[in-house]
Amino acid sequence: MSDAVAVALIGLLGTMITIILNARLNAKVNRVGRDARAARVQVENNHSTNMREEGDERHVENSTKLDTILEEIKSLRGSVSRLWQRTDKQNDDIHELQLTQPRDRFAPPAKHRGDP
């Protein structure tokens, strides 16, 4: 084989390798482009408002509502505490009345929450 033929074959082989690699690379680039377009459709912002601003507004609104609920719970705790105190006082009053009344000899002795 002459040198000219060998050089021509090497040049032809180089060209073929370049064409094949270029075709494979183009296919991969096209696939990446399709995937990027599909991802863009999923994440593209097409809202009329800025989502961050909208989220911040909702956060403030929810925080205000939560503060109101917590205040209501605090108020309810106070009310329940006062009711327990009144109930305890009434139980003590009932116990005192029971102690001052004559006992029926067949009735069991009065029991109080604090009695053993």
C-alpha atoms as a PDB file:
ATOM      1  CA  MET A   1       0.000   0.000   0.000  1.00  0.00           C
ATOM      2  CA  SER A   2       1.404   3.335  -0.943  1.00  0.00           C
ATOM      3  CA  ASP A   3       1.747   6.225   1.420  1.00  0.00           C
ATOM      4  CA  ALA A   4      -0.819   8.241  -0.500  1.00  0.00           C
ATOM      5  CA  VAL A   5      -3.434   5.502  -0.117  1.00  0.00           C
ATOM      6  CA  ALA A   6      -2.665   5.130   3.625  1.00  0.00           C
ATOM      7  CA  VAL A   7      -3.013   8.891   4.144  1.00  0.00           C
ATOM      8  CA  ALA A   8      -6.299   8.884   2.198  1.00  0.00           C
ATOM      9  CA  LEU A   9      -7.620   5.945   4.251  1.00  0.00           C
ATOM     10  CA  ILE A  10      -6.617   7.608   7.526  1.00  0.00           C
ATOM     11  CA  GLY A  11      -8.283  10.840   6.402  1.00  0.00           C
ATOM     12  CA  LEU A  12     -11.415   8.945   5.365  1.00  0.00           C
ATOM     13  CA  LEU A  13     -11.470   7.049   8.667  1.00  0.00           C
ATOM     14  CA  GLY A  14     -11.075  10.338  10.597  1.00  0.00           C
ATOM     15  CA  THR A  15     -13.927  11.905   8.640  1.00  0.00           C
ATOM     16  CA  MET A  16     -16.200   8.899   9.264  1.00  0.00           C
ATOM     17  CA  ILE A  17     -15.426   8.913  12.992  1.00  0.00           C
ATOM     18  CA  THR A  18     -16.160  12.656  13.111  1.00  0.00           C
ATOM     19  CA  ILE A  19     -19.498  12.177  11.315  1.00  0.00           C
ATOM     20  CA  ILE A  20     -20.545   9.312  13.628  1.00  0.00           C
ATOM     21  CA  LEU A  21     -19.525  11.164  16.800  1.00  0.00           C
ATOM     22  CA  ASN A  22     -21.229  14.325  15.569  1.00  0.00           C
ATOM     23  CA  ALA A  23     -24.482  12.423  14.873  1.00  0.00           C
ATOM     24  CA  ARG A  24     -24.408  10.803  18.329  1.00  0.00           C
ATOM     25  CA  LEU A  25     -23.620  14.120  19.988  1.00  0.00           C
ATOM     26  CA  ASN A  26     -26.452  15.860  18.113  1.00  0.00           C
ATOM     27  CA  ALA A  27     -28.904  13.156  19.223  1.00  0.00           C
ATOM     28  CA  LYS A  28     -27.868  13.627  22.860  1.00  0.00           C
ATOM     29  CA  VAL A  29     -28.036  17.429  22.612  1.00  0.00           C
ATOM     30  CA  ASN A  30     -31.512  17.180  21.073  1.00  0.00           C
ATOM     31  CA  ARG A  31     -32.671  14.858  23.858  1.00  0.00           C
ATOM     32  CA  VAL A  32     -31.282  17.242  26.495  1.00  0.00           C
ATOM     33  CA  GLY A  33     -33.123  20.105  24.755  1.00  0.00           C
ATOM     34  CA  ARG A  34     -36.437  18.192  24.805  1.00  0.00           C
ATOM     35  CA  ASP A  35     -35.952  17.317  28.478  1.00  0.00           C
ATOM     36  CA  ALA A  36     -35.125  20.943  29.319  1.00  0.00           C
ATOM     37  CA  ARG A  37     -38.262  22.164  27.526  1.00  0.00           C
ATOM     38  CA  ALA A  38     -40.399  19.612  29.399  1.00  0.00           C
ATOM     39  CA  ALA A  39     -38.873  20.687  32.715  1.00  0.00           C
ATOM     40  CA  ARG A  40     -39.420  24.344  31.897  1.00  0.00           C
ATOM     41  CA  VAL A  41     -43.121  23.745  31.294  1.00  0.00           C
ATOM     42  CA  GLN A  42     -43.361  22.214  34.767  1.00  0.00           C
ATOM     43  CA  VAL A  43     -41.543  25.003  36.625  1.00  0.00           C
ATOM     44  CA  GLU A  44     -42.257  28.090  34.552  1.00  0.00           C
ATOM     45  CA  ASN A  45     -43.953  30.879  36.488  1.00  0.00           C
ATOM     46  CA  ASN A  46     -47.155  31.792  34.690  1.00  0.00           C
ATOM     47  CA  HIS A  47     -48.885  33.317  37.727  1.00  0.00           C
ATOM     48  CA  SER A  48     -50.147  36.875  37.697  1.00  0.00           C
ATOM     49  CA  THR A  49     -48.477  37.530  41.084  1.00  0.00           C
ATOM     50  CA  ASN A  50     -45.034  36.864  42.408  1.00  0.00           C
ATOM     51  CA  MET A  51     -45.231  33.548  44.239  1.00  0.00           C
ATOM     52  CA  ARG A  52     -42.771  34.647  46.936  1.00  0.00           C
ATOM     53  CA  GLU A  53     -44.834  37.753  47.710  1.00  0.00           C
ATOM     54  CA  GLU A  54     -48.016  35.688  47.744  1.00  0.00           C
ATOM     55  CA  GLY A  55     -46.393  33.167  50.090  1.00  0.00           C
ATOM     56  CA  ASP A  56     -45.208  35.963  52.391  1.00  0.00           C
ATOM     57  CA  GLU A  57     -48.712  37.437  52.487  1.00  0.00           C
ATOM     58  CA  ARG A  58     -50.194  34.053  53.349  1.00  0.00           C
ATOM     59  CA  HIS A  59     -47.578  33.562  56.044  1.00  0.00           C
ATOM     60  CA  VAL A  60     -48.488  36.887  57.665  1.00  0.00           C
ATOM     61  CA  GLU A  61     -52.201  36.061  57.406  1.00  0.00           C
ATOM     62  CA  ASN A  62     -51.715  32.609  58.943  1.00  0.00           C
ATOM     63  CA  SER A  63     -49.450  33.988  61.658  1.00  0.00           C
ATOM     64  CA  THR A  64     -52.104  36.561  62.596  1.00  0.00           C
ATOM     65  CA  LYS A  65     -54.778  33.866  62.741  1.00  0.00           C
ATOM     66  CA  LEU A  66     -52.543  31.652  64.851  1.00  0.00           C
ATOM     67  CA  ASP A  67     -51.883  34.511  67.287  1.00  0.00           C
ATOM     68  CA  THR A  68     -55.654  35.033  67.604  1.00  0.00           C
ATOM     69  CA  ILE A  69     -56.217  31.330  68.274  1.00  0.00           C
ATOM     70  CA  LEU A  70     -53.464  31.287  70.897  1.00  0.00           C
ATOM     71  CA  GLU A  71     -55.041  34.278  72.666  1.00  0.00           C
ATOM     72  CA  GLU A  72     -58.409  32.501  72.668  1.00  0.00           C
ATOM     73  CA  ILE A  73     -56.799  29.367  74.135  1.00  0.00           C
ATOM     74  CA  LYS A  74     -55.150  31.488  76.826  1.00  0.00           C
ATOM     75  CA  SER A  75     -58.522  33.020  77.675  1.00  0.00           C
ATOM     76  CA  LEU A  76     -60.188  29.600  77.771  1.00  0.00           C
ATOM     77  CA  ARG A  77     -57.488  28.266  80.100  1.00  0.00           C
ATOM     78  CA  GLY A  78     -58.209  31.120  82.483  1.00  0.00           C
ATOM     79  CA  SER A  79     -61.936  30.400  82.342  1.00  0.00           C
ATOM     80  CA  VAL A  80     -61.433  26.689  82.955  1.00  0.00           C
ATOM     81  CA  SER A  81     -59.095  27.445  85.852  1.00  0.00           C
ATOM     82  CA  ARG A  82     -61.717  29.732  87.436  1.00  0.00           C
ATOM     83  CA  LEU A  83     -64.369  27.036  86.962  1.00  0.00           C
ATOM     84  CA  TRP A  84     -62.167  24.468  88.708  1.00  0.00           C
ATOM     85  CA  GLN A  85     -61.605  26.881  91.584  1.00  0.00           C
ATOM     86  CA  ARG A  86     -65.351  27.473  91.921  1.00  0.00           C
ATOM     87  CA  THR A  87     -66.025  23.739  91.764  1.00  0.00           C
ATOM     88  CA  ASP A  88     -63.438  23.101  94.467  1.00  0.00           C
ATOM     89  CA  LYS A  89     -65.002  25.829  96.626  1.00  0.00           C
ATOM     90  CA  GLN A  90     -68.468  24.376  96.105  1.00  0.00           C
ATOM     91  CA  ASN A  91     -67.224  20.876  96.964  1.00  0.00           C
ATOM     92  CA  ASP A  92     -65.661  22.254 100.140  1.00  0.00           C
ATOM     93  CA  ASP A  93     -68.937  24.029 101.007  1.00  0.00           C
ATOM     94  CA  ILE A  94     -70.914  20.824 100.423  1.00  0.00           C
ATOM     95  CA  HIS A  95     -68.485  18.894 102.597  1.00  0.00           C
ATOM     96  CA  GLU A  96     -68.842  21.473 105.386  1.00  0.00           C
ATOM     97  CA  LEU A  97     -72.625  21.225 105.171  1.00  0.00           C
ATOM     98  CA  GLN A  98     -72.436  17.451 105.308  1.00  0.00           C
ATOM     99  CA  LEU A  99     -70.271  17.631 108.437  1.00  0.00           C
ATOM    100  CA  THR A 100     -72.717  19.966 110.207  1.00  0.00           C
ATOM    101  CA  GLN A 101     -75.813  17.887 109.428  1.00  0.00           C
ATOM    102  CA  PRO A 102     -76.858  15.059 111.690  1.00  0.00           C
ATOM    103  CA  ARG A 103     -75.956  11.731 110.191  1.00  0.00           C
ATOM    104  CA  ASP A 104     -78.460   9.046 109.638  1.00  0.00           C
ATOM    105  CA  ARG A 105     -77.181   5.940 111.381  1.00  0.00           C
ATOM    106  CA  PHE A 106     -77.779   3.904 108.218  1.00  0.00           C
ATOM    107  CA  ALA A 107     -76.187   6.370 105.804  1.00  0.00           C
ATOM    108  CA  PRO A 108     -72.501   5.968 105.009  1.00  0.00           C
ATOM    109  CA  PRO A 109     -70.284   8.787 106.203  1.00  0.00           C
ATOM    110  CA  ALA A 110     -69.784  11.631 103.779  1.00  0.00           C
ATOM    111  CA  LYS A 111     -66.665  11.371 101.675  1.00  0.00           C
ATOM    112  CA  HIS A 112     -64.633  14.304 100.472  1.00  0.00           C
ATOM    113  CA  ARG A 113     -62.184  14.346  97.658  1.00  0.00           C
ATOM    114  CA  GLY A 114     -59.332  14.993 100.088  1.00  0.00           C
ATOM    115  CA  ASP A 115     -60.365  12.303 102.588  1.00  0.00           C
ATOM    116  CA  PRO A 116     -58.392   9.055 102.544  1.00  0.00           C
END
